[in-house]
Amino acid sequence: MITKKIIFIAFAIEDERQRDFLKGQSLSARVPYEFIDMSVKTPYSSEWKEHVRTRIRRSHGVIALSSKNSLSSSGQDWEIKCAKQEGKPILGVWAYRDDRTSIPGVRTVTWSDANIAGFIDSL
């Protein structure tokens, strides 16, 4: 039996639709991974941060959807800092074809099955 790898998704709330597309990739029964996130539309409380940290600790790695919205997203910024503190591998994936905004300190690649699967397989 194959154990599913858990991948935390860090994203700006404005990119929620792109997060939905990414999560859709894990719905196939053949896919040995599961995407999780902790999206909220309200201010971040210490309770939210503890829940996020717990989920990140349980994950094998983090995919950060990168867009112009990432630069002003305090929630996504905190999730990435938390993942780094917890020693989790992070891969940035450009959320849009025409937006090549990079998150400082995060290696970012184009959104493709090969790039995402390669990262997950390396975990």
Protein backbone atom coordinates (compact mmCIF):
# COMPACT_ATOMS: atom_id res chain seq x y z
CA MET A 1 0.00 0.00 0.00
CA ILE A 2 1.35 3.41 -0.99
CA THR A 3 1.28 6.06 1.71
CA LYS A 4 0.09 9.41 0.41
CA LYS A 5 2.47 12.32 0.73
CA ILE A 6 0.96 15.41 2.31
CA ILE A 7 1.73 18.71 0.56
CA PHE A 8 0.82 22.02 2.20
CA ILE A 9 -0.23 24.78 -0.21
CA ALA A 10 0.73 28.34 0.70
CA PHE A 11 -1.10 30.95 -1.36
CA ALA A 12 -2.53 34.46 -1.28
CA ILE A 13 -6.29 34.43 -0.76
CA GLU A 14 -6.69 36.34 -4.06
CA ASP A 15 -5.29 33.22 -5.78
CA GLU A 16 -7.86 30.88 -4.24
CA ARG A 17 -9.11 29.73 -7.66
CA GLN A 18 -5.58 28.69 -8.66
CA ARG A 19 -5.33 26.78 -5.37
CA ASP A 20 -8.55 24.98 -6.32
CA PHE A 21 -7.04 23.99 -9.69
CA LEU A 22 -3.93 22.66 -7.96
CA LYS A 23 -5.96 20.69 -5.43
CA GLY A 24 -7.97 19.24 -8.31
CA GLN A 25 -4.83 17.51 -9.53
CA SER A 26 -4.81 15.29 -6.42
CA LEU A 27 -8.35 13.95 -6.87
CA SER A 28 -7.33 11.03 -9.07
CA ALA A 29 -7.21 7.74 -7.16
CA ARG A 30 -3.85 7.03 -8.84
CA VAL A 31 -2.18 10.06 -7.30
CA PRO A 32 -0.10 9.23 -4.20
CA TYR A 33 -0.35 12.66 -2.60
CA GLU A 34 -2.85 14.98 -0.94
CA PHE A 35 -2.86 18.78 -0.89
CA ILE A 36 -3.87 20.69 2.25
CA ASP A 37 -4.06 24.38 3.12
CA MET A 38 -5.37 26.68 5.82
CA SER A 39 -7.02 29.49 3.88
CA VAL A 40 -8.87 32.12 5.86
CA LYS A 41 -10.55 35.39 5.00
CA THR A 42 -10.31 36.91 8.47
CA PRO A 43 -7.33 38.27 10.43
CA TYR A 44 -4.79 35.70 11.50
CA SER A 45 -5.03 34.72 15.16
CA SER A 46 -2.49 32.88 17.25
CA GLU A 47 -4.87 29.90 17.13
CA TRP A 48 -4.78 29.95 13.31
CA LYS A 49 -0.98 30.07 13.39
CA GLU A 50 -0.82 27.03 15.68
CA HIS A 51 -3.16 25.08 13.39
CA VAL A 52 -1.04 26.03 10.37
CA ARG A 53 2.18 25.04 12.12
CA THR A 54 0.65 21.66 13.03
CA ARG A 55 -0.40 21.05 9.42
CA ILE A 56 2.98 22.13 8.07
CA ARG A 57 4.75 19.81 10.55
CA ARG A 58 2.61 16.91 9.29
CA SER A 59 3.35 17.70 5.65
CA HIS A 60 6.19 16.30 3.58
CA GLY A 61 6.71 19.60 1.76
CA VAL A 62 5.16 22.92 0.74
CA ILE A 63 4.11 24.30 -2.62
CA ALA A 64 3.83 28.09 -2.63
CA LEU A 65 1.69 29.51 -5.42
CA SER A 66 3.54 32.61 -6.56
CA SER A 67 1.87 35.69 -8.02
CA LYS A 68 1.87 39.46 -7.65
CA ASN A 69 -0.58 38.86 -4.78
CA SER A 70 2.07 36.91 -2.86
CA LEU A 71 4.11 40.03 -2.18
CA SER A 72 1.34 41.57 -0.03
CA SER A 73 -0.07 38.40 1.53
CA SER A 74 0.85 38.36 5.21
CA GLY A 75 -0.72 34.92 5.64
CA GLN A 76 1.26 33.32 2.83
CA ASP A 77 4.42 35.04 4.03
CA TRP A 78 3.90 33.61 7.52
CA GLU A 79 3.21 30.11 6.14
CA ILE A 80 6.45 30.17 4.15
CA LYS A 81 8.46 31.42 7.14
CA CYS A 82 6.89 28.69 9.28
CA ALA A 83 7.75 26.02 6.69
CA LYS A 84 11.36 27.22 6.65
CA GLN A 85 11.48 27.14 10.47
CA GLU A 86 10.15 23.58 10.39
CA GLY A 87 12.74 22.56 7.78
CA LYS A 88 10.20 21.64 5.11
CA PRO A 89 11.19 21.62 1.44
CA ILE A 90 9.43 24.43 -0.46
CA LEU A 91 8.74 24.77 -4.16
CA GLY A 92 7.32 27.94 -5.66
CA VAL A 93 5.00 27.49 -8.62
CA TRP A 94 3.95 30.44 -10.76
CA ALA A 95 0.17 30.62 -10.41
CA TYR A 96 -0.37 32.35 -13.77
CA ARG A 97 1.18 32.07 -17.19
CA ASP A 98 1.67 35.83 -17.53
CA ASP A 99 2.84 36.61 -13.97
CA ARG A 100 6.43 35.72 -13.09
CA THR A 101 6.55 37.29 -9.65
CA SER A 102 8.99 35.45 -7.41
CA ILE A 103 8.77 35.05 -3.66
CA PRO A 104 12.11 36.01 -2.12
CA GLY A 105 14.06 32.96 -0.97
CA VAL A 106 11.82 30.44 -2.77
CA ARG A 107 12.88 28.61 -5.93
CA THR A 108 10.01 29.05 -8.39
CA VAL A 109 9.17 27.02 -11.50
CA THR A 110 6.45 26.99 -14.14
CA TRP A 111 3.25 25.13 -13.35
CA SER A 112 3.52 21.74 -15.02
CA ASP A 113 2.74 18.17 -14.02
CA ALA A 114 6.41 17.28 -14.46
CA ASN A 115 7.65 20.07 -12.15
CA ILE A 116 5.07 19.36 -9.45
CA ALA A 117 5.45 15.57 -9.63
CA GLY A 118 9.26 15.88 -9.63
CA PHE A 119 9.15 17.92 -6.42
CA ILE A 120 6.71 15.54 -4.74
CA ASP A 121 8.70 12.48 -5.84
CA SER A 122 11.85 14.02 -4.32
CA LEU A 123 10.28 14.19 -0.86
